Amino acid sequence: MKCPYCGYMESKVIDSRPAEEGSTIRRRRECMACRKRFTTYEIMERLPLVVVKRDGSRQSFDRVKVINGLVRACEKRPVSLQQLEDVADEIENELQGALEREISTAEIGEMVMARLKDL
């Protein structure tokens, strides 16, 4: 890892711990040349998901749109925002785990409806 202060290419890891609910790793490093410390974050790379709309157009998957739809569907129900975010996380993780990189809006809608039924 390149030092942000002096540009030296070698550093050692002082401390390593999970961050953001385990989705990233925070590493505290020390430069071998100037001895200054800095922090790096290691994030798992996710493959992009493409949503195919009814008219055939394509957009990248947006988790916020799923959450907004869930909020609208449950606005007069006793469902917390945390529960809706958990549902959105489940859907996104299931889509990321699938081999398909393209998914139709109808399939996403079916996944949402199945989970709303459980709520």
PDB file of N, CA and C in Angstrom:
ATOM      1  N   MET A   1       0.847  -1.169   0.000  1.00  0.00           N
ATOM      2  CA  MET A   1       0.000   0.000   0.000  1.00  0.00           C
ATOM      3  C   MET A   1       0.895   1.235   0.000  1.00  0.00           C
ATOM      4  N   LYS A   2       0.618   2.165  -0.889  1.00  0.00           N
ATOM      5  CA  LYS A   2       1.410   3.386  -1.024  1.00  0.00           C
ATOM      6  C   LYS A   2       1.081   4.374   0.095  1.00  0.00           C
ATOM      7  N   CYS A   3       2.117   4.913   0.725  1.00  0.00           N
ATOM      8  CA  CYS A   3       1.944   5.881   1.806  1.00  0.00           C
ATOM      9  C   CYS A   3       1.389   7.190   1.243  1.00  0.00           C
ATOM     10  N   PRO A   4       0.304   7.729   1.835  1.00  0.00           N
ATOM     11  CA  PRO A   4      -0.250   8.995   1.335  1.00  0.00           C
ATOM     12  C   PRO A   4       0.618  10.209   1.673  1.00  0.00           C
ATOM     13  N   TYR A   5       1.588  10.047   2.569  1.00  0.00           N
ATOM     14  CA  TYR A   5       2.436  11.169   2.979  1.00  0.00           C
ATOM     15  C   TYR A   5       3.721  11.259   2.164  1.00  0.00           C
ATOM     16  N   CYS A   6       4.447  10.136   2.077  1.00  0.00           N
ATOM     17  CA  CYS A   6       5.749  10.176   1.395  1.00  0.00           C
ATOM     18  C   CYS A   6       5.776   9.379   0.088  1.00  0.00           C
ATOM     19  N   GLY A   7       4.770   8.558  -0.164  1.00  0.00           N
ATOM     20  CA  GLY A   7       4.702   7.795  -1.408  1.00  0.00           C
ATOM     21  C   GLY A   7       5.457   6.481  -1.383  1.00  0.00           C
ATOM     22  N   TYR A   8       6.037   6.124  -0.254  1.00  0.00           N
ATOM     23  CA  TYR A   8       6.781   4.873  -0.138  1.00  0.00           C
ATOM     24  C   TYR A   8       5.808   3.702  -0.308  1.00  0.00           C
ATOM     25  N   MET A   9       6.249   2.646  -0.975  1.00  0.00           N
ATOM     26  CA  MET A   9       5.341   1.560  -1.348  1.00  0.00           C
ATOM     27  C   MET A   9       5.139   0.490  -0.276  1.00  0.00           C
ATOM     28  N   GLU A  10       5.876   0.510   0.801  1.00  0.00           N
ATOM     29  CA  GLU A  10       5.725  -0.534   1.808  1.00  0.00           C
ATOM     30  C   GLU A  10       5.185   0.027   3.119  1.00  0.00           C
ATOM     31  N   SER A  11       4.236  -0.720   3.684  1.00  0.00           N
ATOM     32  CA  SER A  11       3.679  -0.367   4.989  1.00  0.00           C
ATOM     33  C   SER A  11       3.346  -1.658   5.709  1.00  0.00           C
ATOM     34  N   LYS A  12       3.184  -1.550   7.017  1.00  0.00           N
ATOM     35  CA  LYS A  12       2.787  -2.735   7.776  1.00  0.00           C
ATOM     36  C   LYS A  12       1.445  -2.466   8.444  1.00  0.00           C
ATOM     37  N   VAL A  13       0.692  -3.529   8.625  1.00  0.00           N
ATOM     38  CA  VAL A  13      -0.625  -3.431   9.248  1.00  0.00           C
ATOM     39  C   VAL A  13      -0.450  -3.450  10.760  1.00  0.00           C
ATOM     40  N   ILE A  14      -0.969  -2.406  11.410  1.00  0.00           N
ATOM     41  CA  ILE A  14      -0.895  -2.285  12.870  1.00  0.00           C
ATOM     42  C   ILE A  14      -2.122  -2.924  13.513  1.00  0.00           C
ATOM     43  N   ASP A  15      -3.295  -2.648  12.940  1.00  0.00           N
ATOM     44  CA  ASP A  15      -4.560  -3.122  13.506  1.00  0.00           C
ATOM     45  C   ASP A  15      -5.521  -3.398  12.361  1.00  0.00           C
ATOM     46  N   SER A  16      -6.346  -4.420  12.532  1.00  0.00           N
ATOM     47  CA  SER A  16      -7.335  -4.777  11.521  1.00  0.00           C
ATOM     48  C   SER A  16      -8.619  -5.156  12.226  1.00  0.00           C
ATOM     49  N   ARG A  17      -9.749  -4.579  11.780  1.00  0.00           N
ATOM     50  CA  ARG A  17     -11.034  -4.896  12.408  1.00  0.00           C
ATOM     51  C   ARG A  17     -12.163  -4.697  11.416  1.00  0.00           C
ATOM     52  N   PRO A  18     -13.268  -5.422  11.626  1.00  0.00           N
ATOM     53  CA  PRO A  18     -14.427  -5.247  10.739  1.00  0.00           C
ATOM     54  C   PRO A  18     -15.066  -3.874  10.965  1.00  0.00           C
ATOM     55  N   ALA A  19     -15.622  -3.327   9.902  1.00  0.00           N
ATOM     56  CA  ALA A  19     -16.319  -2.042   9.986  1.00  0.00           C
ATOM     57  C   ALA A  19     -17.630  -2.147   9.229  1.00  0.00           C
ATOM     58  N   GLU A  20     -18.554  -1.236   9.511  1.00  0.00           N
ATOM     59  CA  GLU A  20     -19.851  -1.171   8.835  1.00  0.00           C
ATOM     60  C   GLU A  20     -20.554  -2.523   8.810  1.00  0.00           C
ATOM     61  N   GLU A  21     -20.784  -3.066   9.979  1.00  0.00           N
ATOM     62  CA  GLU A  21     -21.508  -4.326  10.155  1.00  0.00           C
ATOM     63  C   GLU A  21     -20.852  -5.505   9.432  1.00  0.00           C
ATOM     64  N   GLY A  22     -19.537  -5.485   9.354  1.00  0.00           N
ATOM     65  CA  GLY A  22     -18.811  -6.609   8.777  1.00  0.00           C
ATOM     66  C   GLY A  22     -18.687  -6.600   7.268  1.00  0.00           C
ATOM     67  N   SER A  23     -19.208  -5.575   6.592  1.00  0.00           N
ATOM     68  CA  SER A  23     -19.141  -5.551   5.139  1.00  0.00           C
ATOM     69  C   SER A  23     -17.813  -4.993   4.629  1.00  0.00           C
ATOM     70  N   THR A  24     -17.050  -4.335   5.492  1.00  0.00           N
ATOM     71  CA  THR A  24     -15.732  -3.830   5.123  1.00  0.00           C
ATOM     72  C   THR A  24     -14.744  -4.151   6.238  1.00  0.00           C
ATOM     73  N   ILE A  25     -13.471  -4.039   5.908  1.00  0.00           N
ATOM     74  CA  ILE A  25     -12.413  -4.240   6.895  1.00  0.00           C
ATOM     75  C   ILE A  25     -11.601  -2.953   6.982  1.00  0.00           C
ATOM     76  N   ARG A  26     -11.442  -2.462   8.196  1.00  0.00           N
ATOM     77  CA  ARG A  26     -10.665  -1.250   8.446  1.00  0.00           C
ATOM     78  C   ARG A  26      -9.271  -1.674   8.884  1.00  0.00           C
ATOM     79  N   ARG A  27      -8.254  -1.155   8.202  1.00  0.00           N
ATOM     80  CA  ARG A  27      -6.879  -1.498   8.555  1.00  0.00           C
ATOM     81  C   ARG A  27      -6.104  -0.232   8.902  1.00  0.00           C
ATOM     82  N   ARG A  28      -5.427  -0.284  10.014  1.00  0.00           N
ATOM     83  CA  ARG A  28      -4.552   0.803  10.446  1.00  0.00           C
ATOM     84  C   ARG A  28      -3.157   0.402  10.007  1.00  0.00           C
ATOM     85  N   ARG A  29      -2.485   1.262   9.244  1.00  0.00           N
ATOM     86  CA  ARG A  29      -1.165   0.944   8.697  1.00  0.00           C
ATOM     87  C   ARG A  29      -0.122   1.962   9.132  1.00  0.00           C
ATOM     88  N   GLU A  30       1.145   1.516   9.078  1.00  0.00           N
ATOM     89  CA  GLU A  30       2.260   2.408   9.378  1.00  0.00           C
ATOM     90  C   GLU A  30       3.266   2.310   8.242  1.00  0.00           C
ATOM     91  N   CYS A  31       3.676   3.466   7.723  1.00  0.00           N
ATOM     92  CA  CYS A  31       4.654   3.515   6.636  1.00  0.00           C
ATOM     93  C   CYS A  31       6.018   3.068   7.160  1.00  0.00           C
ATOM     94  N   MET A  32       6.714   2.264   6.380  1.00  0.00           N
ATOM     95  CA  MET A  32       8.020   1.752   6.793  1.00  0.00           C
ATOM     96  C   MET A  32       9.116   2.817   6.673  1.00  0.00           C
ATOM     97  N   ALA A  33       8.870   3.872   5.878  1.00  0.00           N
ATOM     98  CA  ALA A  33       9.885   4.908   5.687  1.00  0.00           C
ATOM     99  C   ALA A  33       9.697   6.080   6.654  1.00  0.00           C
ATOM    100  N   CYS A  34       8.537   6.740   6.614  1.00  0.00           N
ATOM    101  CA  CYS A  34       8.338   7.954   7.415  1.00  0.00           C
ATOM    102  C   CYS A  34       7.674   7.691   8.765  1.00  0.00           C
ATOM    103  N   ARG A  35       7.197   6.474   9.007  1.00  0.00           N
ATOM    104  CA  ARG A  35       6.579   6.051  10.265  1.00  0.00           C
ATOM    105  C   ARG A  35       5.234   6.713  10.568  1.00  0.00           C
ATOM    106  N   LYS A  36       4.647   7.400   9.602  1.00  0.00           N
ATOM    107  CA  LYS A  36       3.320   7.979   9.813  1.00  0.00           C
ATOM    108  C   LYS A  36       2.273   6.893   9.633  1.00  0.00           C
ATOM    109  N   ARG A  37       1.144   7.073  10.325  1.00  0.00           N
ATOM    110  CA  ARG A  37       0.078   6.075  10.273  1.00  0.00           C
ATOM    111  C   ARG A  37      -1.091   6.582   9.444  1.00  0.00           C
ATOM    112  N   PHE A  38      -1.763   5.643   8.788  1.00  0.00           N
ATOM    113  CA  PHE A  38      -2.934   5.976   7.988  1.00  0.00           C
ATOM    114  C   PHE A  38      -3.890   4.792   7.995  1.00  0.00           C
ATOM    115  N   THR A  39      -5.129   5.049   7.592  1.00  0.00           N
ATOM    116  CA  THR A  39      -6.186   4.039   7.617  1.00  0.00           C
ATOM    117  C   THR A  39      -6.602   3.691   6.196  1.00  0.00           C
ATOM    118  N   THR A  40      -6.802   2.393   5.950  1.00  0.00           N
ATOM    119  CA  THR A  40      -7.342   1.946   4.665  1.00  0.00           C
ATOM    120  C   THR A  40      -8.587   1.098   4.930  1.00  0.00           C
ATOM    121  N   TYR A  41      -9.459   1.034   3.937  1.00  0.00           N
ATOM    122  CA  TYR A  41     -10.669   0.224   4.029  1.00  0.00           C
ATOM    123  C   TYR A  41     -10.681  -0.772   2.885  1.00  0.00           C
ATOM    124  N   GLU A  42     -10.972  -2.015   3.212  1.00  0.00           N
ATOM    125  CA  GLU A  42     -11.061  -3.078   2.216  1.00  0.00           C
ATOM    126  C   GLU A  42     -12.540  -3.413   2.046  1.00  0.00           C
ATOM    127  N   ILE A  43     -13.038  -3.276   0.816  1.00  0.00           N
ATOM    128  CA  ILE A  43     -14.453  -3.479   0.525  1.00  0.00           C
ATOM    129  C   ILE A  43     -14.595  -4.599  -0.492  1.00  0.00           C
ATOM    130  N   MET A  44     -15.559  -5.476  -0.257  1.00  0.00           N
ATOM    131  CA  MET A  44     -15.810  -6.549  -1.203  1.00  0.00           C
ATOM    132  C   MET A  44     -16.400  -5.960  -2.490  1.00  0.00           C
ATOM    133  N   GLU A  45     -15.822  -6.329  -3.607  1.00  0.00           N
ATOM    134  CA  GLU A  45     -16.300  -5.832  -4.889  1.00  0.00           C
ATOM    135  C   GLU A  45     -17.541  -6.611  -5.308  1.00  0.00           C
ATOM    136  N   ARG A  46     -18.548  -5.881  -5.699  1.00  0.00           N
ATOM    137  CA  ARG A  46     -19.789  -6.508  -6.150  1.00  0.00           C
ATOM    138  C   ARG A  46     -19.933  -6.312  -7.635  1.00  0.00           C
ATOM    139  N   LEU A  47     -20.430  -7.339  -8.296  1.00  0.00           N
ATOM    140  CA  LEU A  47     -20.666  -7.238  -9.720  1.00  0.00           C
ATOM    141  C   LEU A  47     -21.924  -6.408  -9.961  1.00  0.00           C
ATOM    142  N   PRO A  48     -21.929  -5.593 -11.006  1.00  0.00           N
ATOM    143  CA  PRO A  48     -23.099  -4.762 -11.256  1.00  0.00           C
ATOM    144  C   PRO A  48     -24.300  -5.598 -11.705  1.00  0.00           C
ATOM    145  N   LEU A  49     -25.460  -5.246 -11.179  1.00  0.00           N
ATOM    146  CA  LEU A  49     -26.703  -5.886 -11.574  1.00  0.00           C
ATOM    147  C   LEU A  49     -27.434  -4.961 -12.534  1.00  0.00           C
ATOM    148  N   VAL A  50     -27.983  -5.518 -13.593  1.00  0.00           N
ATOM    149  CA  VAL A  50     -28.727  -4.735 -14.572  1.00  0.00           C
ATOM    150  C   VAL A  50     -30.185  -5.152 -14.513  1.00  0.00           C
ATOM    151  N   VAL A  51     -31.068  -4.170 -14.399  1.00  0.00           N
ATOM    152  CA  VAL A  51     -32.507  -4.404 -14.349  1.00  0.00           C
ATOM    153  C   VAL A  51     -33.075  -4.122 -15.739  1.00  0.00           C
ATOM    154  N   VAL A  52     -33.800  -5.111 -16.274  1.00  0.00           N
ATOM    155  CA  VAL A  52     -34.437  -4.958 -17.580  1.00  0.00           C
ATOM    156  C   VAL A  52     -35.882  -4.553 -17.337  1.00  0.00           C
ATOM    157  N   LYS A  53     -36.233  -3.368 -17.822  1.00  0.00           N
ATOM    158  CA  LYS A  53     -37.587  -2.855 -17.601  1.00  0.00           C
ATOM    159  C   LYS A  53     -38.543  -3.425 -18.654  1.00  0.00           C
ATOM    160  N   ARG A  54     -39.836  -3.181 -18.468  1.00  0.00           N
ATOM    161  CA  ARG A  54     -40.852  -3.718 -19.386  1.00  0.00           C
ATOM    162  C   ARG A  54     -40.660  -3.255 -20.825  1.00  0.00           C
ATOM    163  N   ASP A  55     -40.216  -2.011 -20.998  1.00  0.00           N
ATOM    164  CA  ASP A  55     -40.032  -1.486 -22.360  1.00  0.00           C
ATOM    165  C   ASP A  55     -38.716  -1.939 -22.992  1.00  0.00           C
ATOM    166  N   GLY A  56     -37.941  -2.758 -22.271  1.00  0.00           N
ATOM    167  CA  GLY A  56     -36.689  -3.291 -22.815  1.00  0.00           C
ATOM    168  C   GLY A  56     -35.466  -2.479 -22.441  1.00  0.00           C
ATOM    169  N   SER A  57     -35.671  -1.305 -21.838  1.00  0.00           N
ATOM    170  CA  SER A  57     -34.519  -0.488 -21.436  1.00  0.00           C
ATOM    171  C   SER A  57     -33.835  -1.125 -20.228  1.00  0.00           C
ATOM    172  N   ARG A  58     -32.591  -0.747 -20.028  1.00  0.00           N
ATOM    173  CA  ARG A  58     -31.799  -1.330 -18.950  1.00  0.00           C
ATOM    174  C   ARG A  58     -31.283  -0.229 -18.032  1.00  0.00           C
ATOM    175  N   GLN A  59     -31.296  -0.532 -16.730  1.00  0.00           N
ATOM    176  CA  GLN A  59     -30.757   0.367 -15.712  1.00  0.00           C
ATOM    177  C   GLN A  59     -29.972  -0.455 -14.713  1.00  0.00           C
ATOM    178  N   SER A  60     -29.072   0.203 -14.001  1.00  0.00           N
ATOM    179  CA  SER A  60     -28.370  -0.511 -12.937  1.00  0.00           C
ATOM    180  C   SER A  60     -29.310  -0.657 -11.754  1.00  0.00           C
ATOM    181  N   PHE A  61     -29.121  -1.732 -10.983  1.00  0.00           N
ATOM    182  CA  PHE A  61     -29.962  -2.002  -9.823  1.00  0.00           C
ATOM    183  C   PHE A  61     -29.747  -0.913  -8.785  1.00  0.00           C
ATOM    184  N   ASP A  62     -30.839  -0.404  -8.238  1.00  0.00           N
ATOM    185  CA  ASP A  62     -30.768   0.642  -7.216  1.00  0.00           C
ATOM    186  C   ASP A  62     -31.551   0.189  -5.991  1.00  0.00           C
ATOM    187  N   ARG A  63     -30.842  -0.105  -4.923  1.00  0.00           N
ATOM    188  CA  ARG A  63     -31.436  -0.577  -3.679  1.00  0.00           C
ATOM    189  C   ARG A  63     -32.390   0.452  -3.091  1.00  0.00           C
ATOM    190  N   VAL A  64     -32.096   1.725  -3.291  1.00  0.00           N
ATOM    191  CA  VAL A  64     -32.930   2.804  -2.751  1.00  0.00           C
ATOM    192  C   VAL A  64     -34.334   2.757  -3.368  1.00  0.00           C
ATOM    193  N   LYS A  65     -34.418   2.416  -4.647  1.00  0.00           N
ATOM    194  CA  LYS A  65     -35.733   2.318  -5.291  1.00  0.00           C
ATOM    195  C   LYS A  65     -36.563   1.195  -4.671  1.00  0.00           C
ATOM    196  N   VAL A  66     -35.926   0.108  -4.328  1.00  0.00           N
ATOM    197  CA  VAL A  66     -36.630  -1.002  -3.679  1.00  0.00           C
ATOM    198  C   VAL A  66     -37.137  -0.553  -2.306  1.00  0.00           C
ATOM    199  N   ILE A  67     -36.283   0.128  -1.549  1.00  0.00           N
ATOM    200  CA  ILE A  67     -36.691   0.608  -0.222  1.00  0.00           C
ATOM    201  C   ILE A  67     -37.839   1.609  -0.343  1.00  0.00           C
ATOM    202  N   ASN A  68     -37.765   2.534  -1.310  1.00  0.00           N
ATOM    203  CA  ASN A  68     -38.841   3.516  -1.485  1.00  0.00           C
ATOM    204  C   ASN A  68     -40.163   2.828  -1.810  1.00  0.00           C
ATOM    205  N   GLY A  69     -40.127   1.797  -2.641  1.00  0.00           N
ATOM    206  CA  GLY A  69     -41.343   1.045  -2.948  1.00  0.00           C
ATOM    207  C   GLY A  69     -41.895   0.330  -1.733  1.00  0.00           C
ATOM    208  N   LEU A  70     -41.005  -0.238  -0.935  1.00  0.00           N
ATOM    209  CA  LEU A  70     -41.431  -0.921   0.290  1.00  0.00           C
ATOM    210  C   LEU A  70     -42.053   0.070   1.281  1.00  0.00           C
ATOM    211  N   VAL A  71     -41.468   1.263   1.384  1.00  0.00           N
ATOM    212  CA  VAL A  71     -42.000   2.285   2.294  1.00  0.00           C
ATOM    213  C   VAL A  71     -43.407   2.686   1.848  1.00  0.00           C
ATOM    214  N   ARG A  72     -43.582   2.907   0.546  1.00  0.00           N
ATOM    215  CA  ARG A  72     -44.914   3.259   0.032  1.00  0.00           C
ATOM    216  C   ARG A  72     -45.927   2.148   0.291  1.00  0.00           C
ATOM    217  N   ALA A  73     -45.510   0.912   0.145  1.00  0.00           N
ATOM    218  CA  ALA A  73     -46.421  -0.220   0.337  1.00  0.00           C
ATOM    219  C   ALA A  73     -46.813  -0.392   1.808  1.00  0.00           C
ATOM    220  N   CYS A  74     -45.945   0.016   2.715  1.00  0.00           N
ATOM    221  CA  CYS A  74     -46.182  -0.236   4.140  1.00  0.00           C
ATOM    222  C   CYS A  74     -46.420   1.033   4.955  1.00  0.00           C
ATOM    223  N   GLU A  75     -46.740   2.145   4.288  1.00  0.00           N
ATOM    224  CA  GLU A  75     -46.825   3.408   5.032  1.00  0.00           C
ATOM    225  C   GLU A  75     -47.942   3.432   6.070  1.00  0.00           C
ATOM    226  N   LYS A  76     -49.001   2.660   5.902  1.00  0.00           N
ATOM    227  CA  LYS A  76     -50.080   2.632   6.898  1.00  0.00           C
ATOM    228  C   LYS A  76     -50.087   1.327   7.676  1.00  0.00           C
ATOM    229  N   ARG A  77     -48.950   0.692   7.735  1.00  0.00           N
ATOM    230  CA  ARG A  77     -48.802  -0.575   8.453  1.00  0.00           C
ATOM    231  C   ARG A  77     -47.764  -0.412   9.559  1.00  0.00           C
ATOM    232  N   PRO A  78     -47.847  -1.218  10.596  1.00  0.00           N
ATOM    233  CA  PRO A  78     -46.869  -1.121  11.690  1.00  0.00           C
ATOM    234  C   PRO A  78     -45.568  -1.864  11.365  1.00  0.00           C
ATOM    235  N   VAL A  79     -44.868  -1.405  10.332  1.00  0.00           N
ATOM    236  CA  VAL A  79     -43.613  -2.029   9.920  1.00  0.00           C
ATOM    237  C   VAL A  79     -42.514  -0.975  10.046  1.00  0.00           C
ATOM    238  N   SER A  80     -41.431  -1.326  10.720  1.00  0.00           N
ATOM    239  CA  SER A  80     -40.347  -0.356  10.927  1.00  0.00           C
ATOM    240  C   SER A  80     -39.477  -0.230   9.677  1.00  0.00           C
ATOM    241  N   LEU A  81     -38.793   0.887   9.593  1.00  0.00           N
ATOM    242  CA  LEU A  81     -37.881   1.125   8.478  1.00  0.00           C
ATOM    243  C   LEU A  81     -36.747   0.097   8.479  1.00  0.00           C
ATOM    244  N   GLN A  82     -36.316  -0.320   9.662  1.00  0.00           N
ATOM    245  CA  GLN A  82     -35.254  -1.323   9.757  1.00  0.00           C
ATOM    246  C   GLN A  82     -35.696  -2.647   9.127  1.00  0.00           C
ATOM    247  N   GLN A  83     -36.941  -3.037   9.351  1.00  0.00           N
ATOM    248  CA  GLN A  83     -37.460  -4.265   8.736  1.00  0.00           C
ATOM    249  C   GLN A  83     -37.447  -4.142   7.215  1.00  0.00           C
ATOM    250  N   LEU A  84     -37.818  -2.974   6.700  1.00  0.00           N
ATOM    251  CA  LEU A  84     -37.838  -2.768   5.250  1.00  0.00           C
ATOM    252  C   LEU A  84     -36.422  -2.778   4.675  1.00  0.00           C
ATOM    253  N   GLU A  85     -35.472  -2.201   5.400  1.00  0.00           N
ATOM    254  CA  GLU A  85     -34.077  -2.239   4.947  1.00  0.00           C
ATOM    255  C   GLU A  85     -33.541  -3.663   4.966  1.00  0.00           C
ATOM    256  N   ASP A  86     -33.953  -4.455   5.953  1.00  0.00           N
ATOM    257  CA  ASP A  86     -33.537  -5.860   6.004  1.00  0.00           C
ATOM    258  C   ASP A  86     -34.081  -6.625   4.799  1.00  0.00           C
ATOM    259  N   VAL A  87     -35.334  -6.347   4.418  1.00  0.00           N
ATOM    260  CA  VAL A  87     -35.928  -6.995   3.245  1.00  0.00           C
ATOM    261  C   VAL A  87     -35.144  -6.603   1.991  1.00  0.00           C
ATOM    262  N   ALA A  88     -34.817  -5.316   1.859  1.00  0.00           N
ATOM    263  CA  ALA A  88     -34.043  -4.858   0.705  1.00  0.00           C
ATOM    264  C   ALA A  88     -32.665  -5.520   0.668  1.00  0.00           C
ATOM    265  N   ASP A  89     -32.043  -5.686   1.844  1.00  0.00           N
ATOM    266  CA  ASP A  89     -30.749  -6.370   1.924  1.00  0.00           C
ATOM    267  C   ASP A  89     -30.871  -7.824   1.464  1.00  0.00           C
ATOM    268  N   GLU A  90     -31.925  -8.507   1.924  1.00  0.00           N
ATOM    269  CA  GLU A  90     -32.147  -9.901   1.525  1.00  0.00           C
ATOM    270  C   GLU A  90     -32.288 -10.011   0.016  1.00  0.00           C
ATOM    271  N   ILE A  91     -33.069  -9.128  -0.566  1.00  0.00           N
ATOM    272  CA  ILE A  91     -33.290  -9.161  -2.016  1.00  0.00           C
ATOM    273  C   ILE A  91     -31.991  -8.899  -2.766  1.00  0.00           C
ATOM    274  N   GLU A  92     -31.253  -7.876  -2.337  1.00  0.00           N
ATOM    275  CA  GLU A  92     -29.993  -7.560  -3.013  1.00  0.00           C
ATOM    276  C   GLU A  92     -28.992  -8.700  -2.884  1.00  0.00           C
ATOM    277  N   ASN A  93     -28.895  -9.311  -1.707  1.00  0.00           N
ATOM    278  CA  ASN A  93     -27.972 -10.430  -1.518  1.00  0.00           C
ATOM    279  C   ASN A  93     -28.367 -11.632  -2.376  1.00  0.00           C
ATOM    280  N   GLU A  94     -29.668 -11.887  -2.480  1.00  0.00           N
ATOM    281  CA  GLU A  94     -30.128 -12.990  -3.319  1.00  0.00           C
ATOM    282  C   GLU A  94     -29.796 -12.729  -4.782  1.00  0.00           C
ATOM    283  N   LEU A  95     -29.967 -11.494  -5.222  1.00  0.00           N
ATOM    284  CA  LEU A  95     -29.647 -11.148  -6.611  1.00  0.00           C
ATOM    285  C   LEU A  95     -28.147 -11.230  -6.864  1.00  0.00           C
ATOM    286  N   GLN A  96     -27.343 -10.783  -5.899  1.00  0.00           N
ATOM    287  CA  GLN A  96     -25.888 -10.859  -6.048  1.00  0.00           C
ATOM    288  C   GLN A  96     -25.411 -12.309  -6.082  1.00  0.00           C
ATOM    289  N   GLY A  97     -26.088 -13.179  -5.344  1.00  0.00           N
ATOM    290  CA  GLY A  97     -25.704 -14.584  -5.297  1.00  0.00           C
ATOM    291  C   GLY A  97     -26.111 -15.366  -6.528  1.00  0.00           C
ATOM    292  N   ALA A  98     -27.066 -14.840  -7.291  1.00  0.00           N
ATOM    293  CA  ALA A  98     -27.520 -15.524  -8.494  1.00  0.00           C
ATOM    294  C   ALA A  98     -26.467 -15.401  -9.595  1.00  0.00           C
ATOM    295  N   LEU A  99     -26.498 -16.328 -10.501  1.00  0.00           N
ATOM    296  CA  LEU A  99     -25.541 -16.303 -11.607  1.00  0.00           C
ATOM    297  C   LEU A  99     -25.911 -15.271 -12.662  1.00  0.00           C
ATOM    298  N   GLU A 100     -27.167 -14.895 -12.710  1.00  0.00           N
ATOM    299  CA  GLU A 100     -27.643 -13.936 -13.705  1.00  0.00           C
ATOM    300  C   GLU A 100     -27.197 -12.523 -13.338  1.00  0.00           C
ATOM    301  N   ARG A 101     -26.744 -11.761 -14.300  1.00  0.00           N
ATOM    302  CA  ARG A 101     -26.372 -10.371 -14.080  1.00  0.00           C
ATOM    303  C   ARG A 101     -27.492  -9.434 -14.514  1.00  0.00           C
ATOM    304  N   GLU A 102     -28.482  -9.982 -15.269  1.00  0.00           N
ATOM    305  CA  GLU A 102     -29.642  -9.202 -15.689  1.00  0.00           C
ATOM    306  C   GLU A 102     -30.891  -9.823 -15.081  1.00  0.00           C
ATOM    307  N   ILE A 103     -31.778  -8.968 -14.576  1.00  0.00           N
ATOM    308  CA  ILE A 103     -33.008  -9.445 -13.970  1.00  0.00           C
ATOM    309  C   ILE A 103     -34.129  -8.496 -14.364  1.00  0.00           C
ATOM    310  N   SER A 104     -35.303  -9.047 -14.579  1.00  0.00           N
ATOM    311  CA  SER A 104     -36.431  -8.212 -14.991  1.00  0.00           C
ATOM    312  C   SER A 104     -37.083  -7.562 -13.776  1.00  0.00           C
ATOM    313  N   THR A 105     -37.783  -6.464 -14.033  1.00  0.00           N
ATOM    314  CA  THR A 105     -38.498  -5.779 -12.957  1.00  0.00           C
ATOM    315  C   THR A 105     -39.593  -6.671 -12.389  1.00  0.00           C
ATOM    316  N   ALA A 106     -40.173  -7.525 -13.239  1.00  0.00           N
ATOM    317  CA  ALA A 106     -41.227  -8.436 -12.772  1.00  0.00           C
ATOM    318  C   ALA A 106     -40.670  -9.425 -11.745  1.00  0.00           C
ATOM    319  N   GLU A 107     -39.469  -9.934 -11.980  1.00  0.00           N
ATOM    320  CA  GLU A 107     -38.860 -10.868 -11.032  1.00  0.00           C
ATOM    321  C   GLU A 107     -38.552 -10.185  -9.701  1.00  0.00           C
ATOM    322  N   ILE A 108     -38.059  -8.953  -9.765  1.00  0.00           N
ATOM    323  CA  ILE A 108     -37.797  -8.207  -8.536  1.00  0.00           C
ATOM    324  C   ILE A 108     -39.111  -7.964  -7.800  1.00  0.00           C
ATOM    325  N   GLY A 109     -40.156  -7.619  -8.545  1.00  0.00           N
ATOM    326  CA  GLY A 109     -41.470  -7.398  -7.942  1.00  0.00           C
ATOM    327  C   GLY A 109     -41.995  -8.636  -7.239  1.00  0.00           C
ATOM    328  N   GLU A 110     -41.789  -9.804  -7.844  1.00  0.00           N
ATOM    329  CA  GLU A 110     -42.220 -11.062  -7.213  1.00  0.00           C
ATOM    330  C   GLU A 110     -41.458 -11.309  -5.909  1.00  0.00           C
ATOM    331  N   MET A 111     -40.169 -11.011  -5.918  1.00  0.00           N
ATOM    332  CA  MET A 111     -39.367 -11.191  -4.706  1.00  0.00           C
ATOM    333  C   MET A 111     -39.867 -10.252  -3.594  1.00  0.00           C
ATOM    334  N   VAL A 112     -40.166  -9.003  -3.970  1.00  0.00           N
ATOM    335  CA  VAL A 112     -40.660  -8.021  -2.999  1.00  0.00           C
ATOM    336  C   VAL A 112     -42.006  -8.472  -2.441  1.00  0.00           C
ATOM    337  N   MET A 113     -42.912  -8.902  -3.318  1.00  0.00           N
ATOM    338  CA  MET A 113     -44.253  -9.308  -2.880  1.00  0.00           C
ATOM    339  C   MET A 113     -44.187 -10.516  -1.938  1.00  0.00           C
ATOM    340  N   ALA A 114     -43.319 -11.459  -2.221  1.00  0.00           N
ATOM    341  CA  ALA A 114     -43.183 -12.639  -1.358  1.00  0.00           C
ATOM    342  C   ALA A 114     -42.736 -12.237   0.047  1.00  0.00           C
ATOM    343  N   ARG A 115     -41.820 -11.289   0.116  1.00  0.00           N
ATOM    344  CA  ARG A 115     -41.335 -10.864   1.431  1.00  0.00           C
ATOM    345  C   ARG A 115     -42.333  -9.958   2.141  1.00  0.00           C
ATOM    346  N   LEU A 116     -43.078  -9.168   1.385  1.00  0.00           N
ATOM    347  CA  LEU A 116     -44.125  -8.337   2.010  1.00  0.00           C
ATOM    348  C   LEU A 116     -45.205  -9.209   2.619  1.00  0.00           C
ATOM    349  N   LYS A 117     -45.481 -10.319   1.957  1.00  0.00           N
ATOM    350  CA  LYS A 117     -46.497 -11.241   2.467  1.00  0.00           C
ATOM    351  C   LYS A 117     -46.087 -11.772   3.839  1.00  0.00           C
ATOM    352  N   ASP A 118     -44.784 -12.033   4.018  1.00  0.00           N
ATOM    353  CA  ASP A 118     -44.278 -12.511   5.297  1.00  0.00           C
ATOM    354  C   ASP A 118     -44.346 -11.451   6.388  1.00  0.00           C
ATOM    355  N   LEU A 119     -44.169 -10.177   5.991  1.00  0.00           N
ATOM    356  CA  LEU A 119     -44.212  -9.088   6.980  1.00  0.00           C
ATOM    357  C   LEU A 119     -45.630  -8.874   7.462  1.00  0.00           C
TER     358      LEU A 119
END
